[in-house]
Amino acid sequence: MFKRSFWVWLHRWAGLSIAGFLMVVSLTGSILAFYEELEQIINPYWYPVHARDTALDAATLAERVEAREPRLLVRKIELQGFDGTTARASIR
């Protein structure tokens, strides 16, 4: 019905269009792996650093975060991040 040259042409252009799509998906996916670091670079004023003389334990830190905003619930606290930050709370 169709000649072999048609199927070769169709296969070539389908493969090239799928390859383009996969390149876009892989690039955006690799950028998402560094979301938090990029967020801190783009919006540094969202992540202020205040030096403290005393260290707080996790329970006290969670209580203070929840006391500041009663609608929040602390789900996780990282006491020291990989990049040198000292405390980060995941809330909902």
Protein backbone atom coordinates (compact mmCIF):
# COMPACT_ATOMS: atom_id res chain seq x y z
CA MET A 1 0.00 0.00 0.00
CA PHE A 2 2.62 2.55 1.12
CA LYS A 3 6.15 2.42 -0.17
CA ARG A 4 9.07 1.70 2.08
CA SER A 5 10.39 5.27 1.64
CA PHE A 6 7.20 6.64 3.24
CA TRP A 7 7.65 4.47 6.34
CA VAL A 8 11.33 5.44 6.59
CA TRP A 9 10.37 9.11 6.40
CA LEU A 10 7.59 8.67 8.98
CA HIS A 11 9.86 6.74 11.34
CA ARG A 12 12.61 9.35 11.06
CA TRP A 13 10.38 12.35 11.81
CA ALA A 14 8.46 10.58 14.57
CA GLY A 15 11.77 9.67 16.22
CA LEU A 16 13.12 13.21 15.91
CA SER A 17 9.98 14.75 17.37
CA ILE A 18 9.94 12.28 20.26
CA ALA A 19 13.65 12.95 20.86
CA GLY A 20 12.94 16.68 21.08
CA PHE A 21 10.17 16.06 23.58
CA LEU A 22 12.41 13.79 25.67
CA MET A 23 15.18 16.42 25.70
CA VAL A 24 12.78 19.06 27.06
CA VAL A 25 11.44 16.65 29.70
CA SER A 26 14.93 15.58 30.81
CA LEU A 27 16.21 19.16 31.07
CA THR A 28 13.26 20.39 33.09
CA GLY A 29 13.39 17.29 35.28
CA SER A 30 17.08 17.79 36.03
CA ILE A 31 16.37 21.41 36.97
CA LEU A 32 13.63 20.27 39.37
CA ALA A 33 16.19 18.14 41.23
CA PHE A 34 17.76 21.40 42.45
CA TYR A 35 14.47 23.19 43.23
CA GLU A 36 15.30 24.22 46.81
CA GLU A 37 18.78 25.49 45.92
CA LEU A 38 17.45 27.47 42.96
CA GLU A 39 14.65 28.86 45.12
CA GLN A 40 17.20 30.15 47.64
CA ILE A 41 19.23 31.78 44.85
CA ILE A 42 16.22 33.40 43.19
CA ASN A 43 14.50 34.54 46.42
CA PRO A 44 17.18 35.00 49.10
CA TYR A 45 14.92 37.30 51.16
CA TRP A 46 12.63 34.32 51.87
CA TYR A 47 15.49 32.61 53.70
CA PRO A 48 16.87 35.09 56.24
CA VAL A 49 19.71 33.98 58.47
CA HIS A 50 19.65 35.11 62.10
CA ALA A 51 22.60 34.16 64.27
CA ARG A 52 21.74 32.75 67.70
CA ASP A 53 23.95 32.06 70.67
CA THR A 54 21.91 29.10 71.91
CA ALA A 55 20.74 26.07 70.02
CA LEU A 56 17.13 24.95 70.27
CA ASP A 57 16.01 21.34 70.37
CA ALA A 58 13.53 20.12 67.77
CA ALA A 59 10.49 20.14 70.06
CA THR A 60 11.05 23.75 71.17
CA LEU A 61 11.61 24.85 67.60
CA ALA A 62 8.38 23.14 66.46
CA GLU A 63 6.44 24.75 69.32
CA ARG A 64 7.73 28.21 68.42
CA VAL A 65 6.85 27.80 64.75
CA GLU A 66 3.33 26.60 65.61
CA ALA A 67 2.90 29.39 68.21
CA ARG A 68 3.76 32.03 65.63
CA GLU A 69 1.11 30.78 63.23
CA PRO A 70 -1.57 28.61 64.90
CA ARG A 71 -2.97 27.38 61.56
CA LEU A 72 0.28 25.56 60.78
CA LEU A 73 1.31 22.07 61.79
CA VAL A 74 5.00 21.17 61.80
CA ARG A 75 5.51 17.80 60.14
CA LYS A 76 9.30 17.55 59.85
CA ILE A 77 12.34 19.45 61.10
CA GLU A 78 15.86 19.19 59.72
CA LEU A 79 18.26 20.42 62.36
CA GLN A 80 21.19 20.84 59.99
CA GLY A 81 20.98 20.91 56.22
CA PHE A 82 23.67 19.82 53.80
CA ASP A 83 24.38 23.40 52.73
CA GLY A 84 25.13 24.73 56.22
CA THR A 85 21.65 25.99 57.08
CA THR A 86 20.79 25.22 60.67
CA ALA A 87 17.05 24.62 60.76
CA ARG A 88 14.29 24.06 58.25
CA ALA A 89 10.71 23.09 59.08
CA SER A 90 8.26 21.38 56.73
CA ILE A 91 4.77 22.53 57.55
CA ARG A 92 1.26 22.03 56.28
